[in-house]
Amino acid sequence: MLCEKMAQTYPDVKVNMEAIYVKDGNVYTSAGITAGMDLALALLEEDLGRKFALLIARIMVLFLKRPGNQTQFSTVLEAQKTDYQPISQATEWINNHPDEDITIEKLAEQVLMSPRNFARVFVRELNTTPMKYVEKIRLETACRYLTETNLSIDQIATRSGFKNAVNMNRIFMKTYCTTPTQYRRDFKTAL
């Protein structure tokens, strides 16, 4: 909430506005209370090992590492900022159907709007285009499948709406600078 103010007040400090916690040498910072729990688990893992940290995470019913490449922002939560019913209905539909062939025309039809007006209102309400929103939901869906299931990469790509592993791999590299396989290795400890 105060990242921009911190960056302005302390211009020599590099502020990472998306990380839930940051380690810089022996200085650690976290984004909030829940992020503080994430940081505490990371410190346990650093000092006492992954196995012990995972045990504590299980006892506390937490992720050892949150899925989503440690971002503090959820696309679904961000979409809840609008109270404009047609856009809320569209985002809910997208959230529940990431594997479908989604077009602006199809979304507009879902909420009884013209495609052009729908796209304009969507951007006004959520500061992103409908198709960028769809991509983010598909990525978050894929991340959940990667960390919570043993489905193959091809199965996850299909269920997440990427159609095939090549498309999913391309979007992962563009967004997270890693492959789905590496992402799974890094975050598979999620409970």
C-alpha atoms as a PDB file:
ATOM      1  CA  MET A   1       0.000   0.000   0.000  1.00  0.00           C
ATOM      2  CA  LEU A   2       2.865   2.375   0.765  1.00  0.00           C
ATOM      3  CA  CYS A   3       5.448   1.137  -1.753  1.00  0.00           C
ATOM      4  CA  GLU A   4       5.164   4.191  -4.011  1.00  0.00           C
ATOM      5  CA  LYS A   5       5.501   6.549  -1.058  1.00  0.00           C
ATOM      6  CA  MET A   6       8.559   4.633   0.163  1.00  0.00           C
ATOM      7  CA  ALA A   7      10.144   4.785  -3.306  1.00  0.00           C
ATOM      8  CA  GLN A   8       9.550   8.560  -3.463  1.00  0.00           C
ATOM      9  CA  THR A   9      10.747   9.203   0.090  1.00  0.00           C
ATOM     10  CA  TYR A  10      13.880   7.061  -0.295  1.00  0.00           C
ATOM     11  CA  PRO A  11      14.959   7.341  -3.954  1.00  0.00           C
ATOM     12  CA  ASP A  12      18.228   5.450  -3.286  1.00  0.00           C
ATOM     13  CA  VAL A  13      16.278   2.368  -2.133  1.00  0.00           C
ATOM     14  CA  LYS A  14      15.175  -0.065  -4.821  1.00  0.00           C
ATOM     15  CA  VAL A  15      11.570  -0.924  -3.939  1.00  0.00           C
ATOM     16  CA  ASN A  16      10.119  -4.171  -5.335  1.00  0.00           C
ATOM     17  CA  MET A  17       6.375  -3.494  -5.328  1.00  0.00           C
ATOM     18  CA  GLU A  18       5.276  -7.050  -6.150  1.00  0.00           C
ATOM     19  CA  ALA A  19       7.375  -9.303  -3.925  1.00  0.00           C
ATOM     20  CA  ILE A  20       5.766 -10.572  -0.751  1.00  0.00           C
ATOM     21  CA  TYR A  21       9.155 -10.495   0.930  1.00  0.00           C
ATOM     22  CA  VAL A  22      12.653  -9.463  -0.069  1.00  0.00           C
ATOM     23  CA  LYS A  23      16.087 -10.519   1.149  1.00  0.00           C
ATOM     24  CA  ASP A  24      18.951  -8.126   0.474  1.00  0.00           C
ATOM     25  CA  GLY A  25      22.093  -9.347   2.202  1.00  0.00           C
ATOM     26  CA  ASN A  26      21.177  -9.624   5.867  1.00  0.00           C
ATOM     27  CA  VAL A  27      18.176  -7.277   5.585  1.00  0.00           C
ATOM     28  CA  TYR A  28      14.718  -8.812   5.164  1.00  0.00           C
ATOM     29  CA  THR A  29      11.454  -6.983   4.564  1.00  0.00           C
ATOM     30  CA  SER A  30       7.893  -8.205   4.077  1.00  0.00           C
ATOM     31  CA  ALA A  31       4.780  -6.728   2.497  1.00  0.00           C
ATOM     32  CA  GLY A  32       2.387  -7.304   5.388  1.00  0.00           C
ATOM     33  CA  ILE A  33       1.215  -9.693   8.090  1.00  0.00           C
ATOM     34  CA  THR A  34       0.676 -12.749   5.899  1.00  0.00           C
ATOM     35  CA  ALA A  35       3.857 -11.951   3.997  1.00  0.00           C
ATOM     36  CA  GLY A  36       5.587 -11.852   7.386  1.00  0.00           C
ATOM     37  CA  MET A  37       4.528 -15.481   7.875  1.00  0.00           C
ATOM     38  CA  ASP A  38       5.963 -16.273   4.443  1.00  0.00           C
ATOM     39  CA  LEU A  39       9.178 -14.544   5.454  1.00  0.00           C
ATOM     40  CA  ALA A  40       9.316 -16.455   8.755  1.00  0.00           C
ATOM     41  CA  LEU A  41       9.000 -19.752   6.862  1.00  0.00           C
ATOM     42  CA  ALA A  42      11.742 -18.648   4.454  1.00  0.00           C
ATOM     43  CA  LEU A  43      14.016 -17.854   7.413  1.00  0.00           C
ATOM     44  CA  LEU A  44      13.276 -21.282   8.911  1.00  0.00           C
ATOM     45  CA  GLU A  45      14.089 -22.913   5.590  1.00  0.00           C
ATOM     46  CA  GLU A  46      17.319 -20.918   5.318  1.00  0.00           C
ATOM     47  CA  ASP A  47      18.436 -21.749   8.872  1.00  0.00           C
ATOM     48  CA  LEU A  48      17.029 -25.237   9.483  1.00  0.00           C
ATOM     49  CA  GLY A  49      16.340 -26.667   6.032  1.00  0.00           C
ATOM     50  CA  ARG A  50      13.423 -27.226   3.701  1.00  0.00           C
ATOM     51  CA  LYS A  51      12.127 -30.352   5.446  1.00  0.00           C
ATOM     52  CA  PHE A  52      11.747 -28.574   8.804  1.00  0.00           C
ATOM     53  CA  ALA A  53      10.195 -25.477   7.217  1.00  0.00           C
ATOM     54  CA  LEU A  54       7.710 -27.672   5.340  1.00  0.00           C
ATOM     55  CA  LEU A  55       6.756 -29.413   8.600  1.00  0.00           C
ATOM     56  CA  ILE A  56       6.078 -26.030  10.243  1.00  0.00           C
ATOM     57  CA  ALA A  57       4.115 -24.865   7.183  1.00  0.00           C
ATOM     58  CA  ARG A  58       1.941 -27.984   7.392  1.00  0.00           C
ATOM     59  CA  ILE A  59       1.329 -27.451  11.106  1.00  0.00           C
ATOM     60  CA  MET A  60       0.365 -23.822  10.422  1.00  0.00           C
ATOM     61  CA  VAL A  61      -1.693 -24.838   7.326  1.00  0.00           C
ATOM     62  CA  LEU A  62       0.313 -22.519   5.071  1.00  0.00           C
ATOM     63  CA  PHE A  63       2.172 -22.776   1.790  1.00  0.00           C
ATOM     64  CA  LEU A  64       5.904 -23.137   2.278  1.00  0.00           C
ATOM     65  CA  LYS A  65       6.110 -20.981  -0.853  1.00  0.00           C
ATOM     66  CA  ARG A  66       2.997 -19.409  -2.258  1.00  0.00           C
ATOM     67  CA  PRO A  67       2.166 -20.275  -5.838  1.00  0.00           C
ATOM     68  CA  GLY A  68       2.187 -17.410  -8.310  1.00  0.00           C
ATOM     69  CA  ASN A  69       5.907 -16.619  -8.387  1.00  0.00           C
ATOM     70  CA  GLN A  70       5.705 -14.865  -5.011  1.00  0.00           C
ATOM     71  CA  THR A  71       3.475 -12.076  -6.160  1.00  0.00           C
ATOM     72  CA  GLN A  72       1.250 -10.421  -3.597  1.00  0.00           C
ATOM     73  CA  PHE A  73      -1.416  -9.638  -6.162  1.00  0.00           C
ATOM     74  CA  SER A  74      -4.128 -12.060  -7.227  1.00  0.00           C
ATOM     75  CA  THR A  75      -5.911 -11.386 -10.491  1.00  0.00           C
ATOM     76  CA  VAL A  76      -9.188 -12.634  -9.011  1.00  0.00           C
ATOM     77  CA  LEU A  77      -8.855 -10.351  -5.978  1.00  0.00           C
ATOM     78  CA  GLU A  78      -7.896  -7.400  -8.175  1.00  0.00           C
ATOM     79  CA  ALA A  79     -11.034  -7.964 -10.272  1.00  0.00           C
ATOM     80  CA  GLN A  80     -13.197  -7.703  -7.149  1.00  0.00           C
ATOM     81  CA  LYS A  81     -12.525  -3.966  -7.004  1.00  0.00           C
ATOM     82  CA  THR A  82     -15.275  -3.354  -9.557  1.00  0.00           C
ATOM     83  CA  ASP A  83     -18.890  -3.321  -8.498  1.00  0.00           C
ATOM     84  CA  TYR A  84     -20.124  -2.911 -12.071  1.00  0.00           C
ATOM     85  CA  GLN A  85     -22.260  -6.040 -12.412  1.00  0.00           C
ATOM     86  CA  PRO A  86     -21.610  -6.937 -16.084  1.00  0.00           C
ATOM     87  CA  ILE A  87     -17.824  -6.836 -15.569  1.00  0.00           C
ATOM     88  CA  SER A  88     -18.105  -8.799 -12.315  1.00  0.00           C
ATOM     89  CA  GLN A  89     -20.181 -11.411 -14.138  1.00  0.00           C
ATOM     90  CA  ALA A  90     -17.658 -11.585 -16.985  1.00  0.00           C
ATOM     91  CA  THR A  91     -14.660 -12.023 -14.672  1.00  0.00           C
ATOM     92  CA  GLU A  92     -16.495 -14.685 -12.681  1.00  0.00           C
ATOM     93  CA  TRP A  93     -17.291 -16.527 -15.911  1.00  0.00           C
ATOM     94  CA  ILE A  94     -13.638 -16.279 -17.039  1.00  0.00           C
ATOM     95  CA  ASN A  95     -12.442 -17.535 -13.641  1.00  0.00           C
ATOM     96  CA  ASN A  96     -14.682 -20.608 -13.969  1.00  0.00           C
ATOM     97  CA  HIS A  97     -13.965 -21.322 -17.665  1.00  0.00           C
ATOM     98  CA  PRO A  98     -10.258 -20.666 -18.351  1.00  0.00           C
ATOM     99  CA  ASP A  99     -10.069 -23.712 -20.624  1.00  0.00           C
ATOM    100  CA  GLU A 100     -12.715 -22.439 -23.045  1.00  0.00           C
ATOM    101  CA  ASP A 101     -12.066 -20.580 -26.284  1.00  0.00           C
ATOM    102  CA  ILE A 102     -12.572 -17.056 -24.932  1.00  0.00           C
ATOM    103  CA  THR A 103     -13.074 -14.067 -27.193  1.00  0.00           C
ATOM    104  CA  ILE A 104     -14.247 -10.538 -26.504  1.00  0.00           C
ATOM    105  CA  GLU A 105     -17.351 -11.311 -28.541  1.00  0.00           C
ATOM    106  CA  LYS A 106     -18.133 -14.340 -26.378  1.00  0.00           C
ATOM    107  CA  LEU A 107     -17.594 -12.383 -23.153  1.00  0.00           C
ATOM    108  CA  ALA A 108     -19.719  -9.474 -24.370  1.00  0.00           C
ATOM    109  CA  GLU A 109     -22.481 -11.906 -25.283  1.00  0.00           C
ATOM    110  CA  GLN A 110     -22.340 -13.386 -21.751  1.00  0.00           C
ATOM    111  CA  VAL A 111     -23.194  -9.987 -20.253  1.00  0.00           C
ATOM    112  CA  LEU A 112     -25.440  -8.680 -23.036  1.00  0.00           C
ATOM    113  CA  MET A 113     -23.143  -5.889 -24.214  1.00  0.00           C
ATOM    114  CA  SER A 114     -21.667  -5.020 -27.583  1.00  0.00           C
ATOM    115  CA  PRO A 115     -18.052  -6.228 -27.941  1.00  0.00           C
ATOM    116  CA  ARG A 116     -16.694  -2.708 -28.381  1.00  0.00           C
ATOM    117  CA  ASN A 117     -18.525  -1.294 -25.355  1.00  0.00           C
ATOM    118  CA  PHE A 118     -17.650  -4.362 -23.265  1.00  0.00           C
ATOM    119  CA  ALA A 119     -13.924  -3.988 -24.024  1.00  0.00           C
ATOM    120  CA  ARG A 120     -14.010  -0.256 -23.256  1.00  0.00           C
ATOM    121  CA  VAL A 121     -15.870  -0.711 -19.958  1.00  0.00           C
ATOM    122  CA  PHE A 122     -13.657  -3.653 -18.944  1.00  0.00           C
ATOM    123  CA  VAL A 123     -10.527  -1.513 -19.346  1.00  0.00           C
ATOM    124  CA  ARG A 124     -12.165   1.389 -17.489  1.00  0.00           C
ATOM    125  CA  GLU A 125     -13.157  -0.832 -14.561  1.00  0.00           C
ATOM    126  CA  LEU A 126     -10.064  -3.053 -14.249  1.00  0.00           C
ATOM    127  CA  ASN A 127      -7.245  -1.147 -15.976  1.00  0.00           C
ATOM    128  CA  THR A 128      -6.472  -4.125 -18.191  1.00  0.00           C
ATOM    129  CA  THR A 129      -7.859  -5.559 -21.386  1.00  0.00           C
ATOM    130  CA  PRO A 130     -10.180  -8.555 -21.274  1.00  0.00           C
ATOM    131  CA  MET A 131      -7.625 -10.748 -23.065  1.00  0.00           C
ATOM    132  CA  LYS A 132      -4.793  -9.777 -20.704  1.00  0.00           C
ATOM    133  CA  TYR A 133      -7.109 -10.647 -17.817  1.00  0.00           C
ATOM    134  CA  VAL A 134      -7.836 -14.027 -19.421  1.00  0.00           C
ATOM    135  CA  GLU A 135      -4.111 -14.695 -19.790  1.00  0.00           C
ATOM    136  CA  LYS A 136      -3.476 -13.861 -16.123  1.00  0.00           C
ATOM    137  CA  ILE A 137      -6.284 -16.172 -15.003  1.00  0.00           C
ATOM    138  CA  ARG A 138      -4.895 -18.950 -17.197  1.00  0.00           C
ATOM    139  CA  LEU A 139      -1.448 -18.433 -15.702  1.00  0.00           C
ATOM    140  CA  GLU A 140      -2.776 -18.545 -12.141  1.00  0.00           C
ATOM    141  CA  THR A 141      -4.788 -21.660 -13.002  1.00  0.00           C
ATOM    142  CA  ALA A 142      -1.707 -23.325 -14.476  1.00  0.00           C
ATOM    143  CA  CYS A 143       0.352 -22.372 -11.415  1.00  0.00           C
ATOM    144  CA  ARG A 144      -2.188 -24.028  -9.123  1.00  0.00           C
ATOM    145  CA  TYR A 145      -2.192 -27.199 -11.231  1.00  0.00           C
ATOM    146  CA  LEU A 146       1.605 -27.253 -11.318  1.00  0.00           C
ATOM    147  CA  THR A 147       1.957 -26.976  -7.554  1.00  0.00           C
ATOM    148  CA  GLU A 148      -1.083 -28.944  -6.390  1.00  0.00           C
ATOM    149  CA  THR A 149      -1.375 -31.838  -8.865  1.00  0.00           C
ATOM    150  CA  ASN A 150       0.710 -34.422 -10.676  1.00  0.00           C
ATOM    151  CA  LEU A 151      -0.971 -33.732 -14.019  1.00  0.00           C
ATOM    152  CA  SER A 152       1.347 -33.656 -17.032  1.00  0.00           C
ATOM    153  CA  ILE A 153       2.395 -30.322 -18.523  1.00  0.00           C
ATOM    154  CA  ASP A 154       0.224 -31.074 -21.588  1.00  0.00           C
ATOM    155  CA  GLN A 155      -2.825 -31.795 -19.401  1.00  0.00           C
ATOM    156  CA  ILE A 156      -2.268 -28.595 -17.434  1.00  0.00           C
ATOM    157  CA  ALA A 157      -1.875 -26.563 -20.619  1.00  0.00           C
ATOM    158  CA  THR A 158      -5.212 -27.893 -21.903  1.00  0.00           C
ATOM    159  CA  ARG A 159      -7.082 -27.436 -18.615  1.00  0.00           C
ATOM    160  CA  SER A 160      -5.696 -23.909 -18.196  1.00  0.00           C
ATOM    161  CA  GLY A 161      -6.750 -22.812 -21.676  1.00  0.00           C
ATOM    162  CA  PHE A 162      -3.327 -22.619 -23.322  1.00  0.00           C
ATOM    163  CA  LYS A 163      -4.290 -25.446 -25.716  1.00  0.00           C
ATOM    164  CA  ASN A 164      -0.778 -26.977 -25.684  1.00  0.00           C
ATOM    165  CA  ALA A 165       2.474 -27.044 -23.740  1.00  0.00           C
ATOM    166  CA  VAL A 166       4.332 -24.912 -26.307  1.00  0.00           C
ATOM    167  CA  ASN A 167       1.918 -21.986 -25.842  1.00  0.00           C
ATOM    168  CA  MET A 168       1.993 -22.341 -22.064  1.00  0.00           C
ATOM    169  CA  ASN A 169       5.797 -22.487 -22.059  1.00  0.00           C
ATOM    170  CA  ARG A 170       6.008 -19.297 -24.161  1.00  0.00           C
ATOM    171  CA  ILE A 171       3.666 -17.365 -21.833  1.00  0.00           C
ATOM    172  CA  PHE A 172       5.488 -18.656 -18.717  1.00  0.00           C
ATOM    173  CA  MET A 173       8.849 -17.538 -20.106  1.00  0.00           C
ATOM    174  CA  LYS A 174       7.440 -14.108 -21.015  1.00  0.00           C
ATOM    175  CA  THR A 175       5.756 -13.629 -17.627  1.00  0.00           C
ATOM    176  CA  TYR A 176       7.884 -15.495 -15.072  1.00  0.00           C
ATOM    177  CA  CYS A 177      11.194 -15.974 -16.963  1.00  0.00           C
ATOM    178  CA  THR A 178      10.978 -19.690 -16.220  1.00  0.00           C
ATOM    179  CA  THR A 179       9.404 -22.791 -17.712  1.00  0.00           C
ATOM    180  CA  PRO A 180       6.348 -24.556 -16.269  1.00  0.00           C
ATOM    181  CA  THR A 181       8.575 -27.539 -15.411  1.00  0.00           C
ATOM    182  CA  GLN A 182      11.022 -25.354 -13.479  1.00  0.00           C
ATOM    183  CA  TYR A 183       8.136 -23.503 -11.822  1.00  0.00           C
ATOM    184  CA  ARG A 184       6.774 -26.853 -10.631  1.00  0.00           C
ATOM    185  CA  ARG A 185      10.187 -27.808  -9.210  1.00  0.00           C
ATOM    186  CA  ASP A 186      10.508 -24.484  -7.416  1.00  0.00           C
ATOM    187  CA  PHE A 187       7.005 -24.352  -5.943  1.00  0.00           C
ATOM    188  CA  LYS A 188       5.860 -27.988  -5.676  1.00  0.00           C
ATOM    189  CA  THR A 189       6.161 -27.788  -1.876  1.00  0.00           C
ATOM    190  CA  ALA A 190       2.860 -25.859  -1.789  1.00  0.00           C
ATOM    191  CA  LEU A 191       0.437 -27.847   0.319  1.00  0.00           C
END
